[in-house]
Amino acid sequence: MKVAEATTGLQFCVYLGPVEGDDPHAFAESLFTRAGLTDRPGVLLLVAPKRHYVEIVTSPAARVRVPDEACEAAVARMIEDFKAGHIDRGIVHGLETLTEVAGAGTAPDGGADFPDILD
């Protein structure tokens, strides 16, 4: 994650764990919002292995460089590894895909680091 952040200037967060409630997408959005990250150049990867669910949430500032199509490509790449039983490799490949699409950039001044959420 540190390489992706240093390369792109975006802040990445991975949530690996259970999803609360019946709507995994809403849960991912709520994690992003509760952390107060909607106005920051951030990307949240939610991986819920027991639900077989992956979600990528981007802030408006990050979405300019990481559009929905790139998120879909990252999820597809991650799922290939997940199906083979390699959750860690899938997360790394997802981050690599997003880093490639976002390209080089610098983090804005004055922003605190994105929280690393791991469950």
Protein backbone atom coordinates (compact mmCIF):
# COMPACT_ATOMS: atom_id res chain seq x y z
CA MET A 1 0.00 0.00 0.00
CA LYS A 2 2.85 2.37 0.78
CA VAL A 3 4.26 1.97 -2.75
CA ALA A 4 0.85 2.75 -4.26
CA GLU A 5 0.51 5.84 -2.07
CA ALA A 6 4.04 7.05 -2.76
CA THR A 7 3.64 6.53 -6.51
CA THR A 8 0.20 8.05 -6.97
CA GLY A 9 -0.16 10.55 -4.14
CA LEU A 10 -3.54 8.95 -3.45
CA GLN A 11 -4.31 7.37 -0.11
CA PHE A 12 -5.34 3.71 -0.09
CA CYS A 13 -7.12 1.80 2.61
CA VAL A 14 -7.95 -1.91 2.70
CA TYR A 15 -10.77 -3.32 4.81
CA LEU A 16 -10.55 -7.09 5.07
CA GLY A 17 -13.31 -8.60 7.13
CA PRO A 18 -17.01 -9.10 7.63
CA VAL A 19 -19.71 -6.89 6.21
CA GLU A 20 -22.37 -5.59 8.55
CA GLY A 21 -25.94 -5.67 7.30
CA ASP A 22 -27.49 -6.93 4.10
CA ASP A 23 -25.99 -4.42 1.66
CA PRO A 24 -22.19 -4.74 1.23
CA HIS A 25 -22.05 -1.69 -1.05
CA ALA A 26 -23.78 0.46 1.56
CA PHE A 27 -21.45 -0.90 4.24
CA ALA A 28 -18.38 0.07 2.17
CA GLU A 29 -19.79 3.54 1.59
CA SER A 30 -20.54 3.92 5.30
CA LEU A 31 -16.97 2.92 6.25
CA PHE A 32 -15.67 5.53 3.86
CA THR A 33 -18.03 8.22 5.13
CA ARG A 34 -17.70 7.42 8.85
CA ALA A 35 -13.96 7.87 8.56
CA GLY A 36 -14.57 11.35 7.10
CA LEU A 37 -12.75 10.49 3.91
CA THR A 38 -15.15 11.60 1.21
CA ASP A 39 -13.30 14.88 0.60
CA ARG A 40 -9.82 13.37 0.47
CA PRO A 41 -7.98 11.78 -2.47
CA GLY A 42 -8.64 8.29 -1.19
CA VAL A 43 -9.55 4.80 -2.29
CA LEU A 44 -11.07 2.10 -0.09
CA LEU A 45 -10.83 -1.57 -1.04
CA LEU A 46 -13.33 -3.68 0.87
CA VAL A 47 -12.76 -7.43 0.75
CA ALA A 48 -15.28 -9.65 2.52
CA PRO A 49 -14.11 -13.23 1.91
CA LYS A 50 -16.99 -14.98 3.67
CA ARG A 51 -19.51 -13.02 1.58
CA HIS A 52 -17.45 -13.42 -1.60
CA TYR A 53 -17.66 -9.67 -2.06
CA VAL A 54 -15.25 -6.96 -3.21
CA GLU A 55 -16.02 -3.26 -3.42
CA ILE A 56 -13.87 -0.26 -4.31
CA VAL A 57 -14.98 3.17 -3.14
CA THR A 58 -13.28 6.31 -4.42
CA SER A 59 -13.58 9.90 -3.32
CA PRO A 60 -14.45 12.50 -5.95
CA ALA A 61 -10.83 13.72 -5.85
CA ALA A 62 -9.54 10.19 -6.57
CA ARG A 63 -12.25 9.28 -9.08
CA VAL A 64 -10.78 11.73 -11.59
CA ARG A 65 -7.70 9.50 -11.80
CA VAL A 66 -9.31 6.18 -10.93
CA PRO A 67 -12.62 5.95 -12.83
CA ASP A 68 -15.23 3.24 -12.30
CA GLU A 69 -13.91 1.24 -15.26
CA ALA A 70 -10.49 1.00 -13.59
CA CYS A 71 -12.11 -0.15 -10.35
CA GLU A 72 -14.00 -2.83 -12.25
CA ALA A 73 -10.75 -4.01 -13.86
CA ALA A 74 -9.05 -4.12 -10.46
CA VAL A 75 -11.93 -6.13 -8.97
CA ALA A 76 -11.81 -8.60 -11.87
CA ARG A 77 -8.08 -9.07 -11.39
CA MET A 78 -8.54 -9.54 -7.63
CA ILE A 79 -11.30 -12.10 -8.08
CA GLU A 80 -9.02 -14.29 -10.20
CA ASP A 81 -6.61 -14.58 -7.29
CA PHE A 82 -9.36 -14.95 -4.70
CA LYS A 83 -10.82 -17.90 -6.59
CA ALA A 84 -7.39 -19.55 -6.43
CA GLY A 85 -7.35 -19.00 -2.66
CA HIS A 86 -4.86 -16.13 -2.68
CA ILE A 87 -6.50 -13.20 -0.88
CA ASP A 88 -3.20 -11.45 -0.19
CA ARG A 89 -2.04 -11.72 -3.81
CA GLY A 90 -5.45 -10.49 -5.00
CA ILE A 91 -5.25 -7.37 -2.85
CA VAL A 92 -1.73 -6.66 -4.10
CA HIS A 93 -2.81 -7.10 -7.72
CA GLY A 94 -5.81 -4.84 -7.16
CA LEU A 95 -3.57 -2.13 -5.72
CA GLU A 96 -1.14 -2.54 -8.62
CA THR A 97 -3.96 -2.13 -11.14
CA LEU A 98 -5.23 1.02 -9.46
CA THR A 99 -1.69 2.41 -9.20
CA GLU A 100 -1.07 1.84 -12.92
CA VAL A 101 -4.28 3.60 -13.87
CA ALA A 102 -3.80 6.55 -11.48
CA GLY A 103 -0.22 7.13 -12.57
CA ALA A 104 2.30 9.35 -10.84
CA GLY A 105 1.12 12.09 -8.57
CA THR A 106 1.76 13.82 -5.27
CA ALA A 107 -0.30 13.93 -2.11
CA PRO A 108 -1.89 17.25 -1.21
CA ASP A 109 -0.23 19.14 1.63
CA GLY A 110 -1.70 19.07 5.10
CA GLY A 111 -3.71 15.87 4.84
CA ALA A 112 -3.44 13.25 7.52
CA ASP A 113 -2.72 9.72 6.42
CA PHE A 114 -5.65 7.57 5.41
CA PRO A 115 -6.37 5.04 8.15
CA ASP A 116 -5.28 1.49 7.50
CA ILE A 117 -8.41 -0.47 8.33
CA LEU A 118 -7.79 -4.17 8.72
CA ASP A 119 -10.18 -6.45 10.52
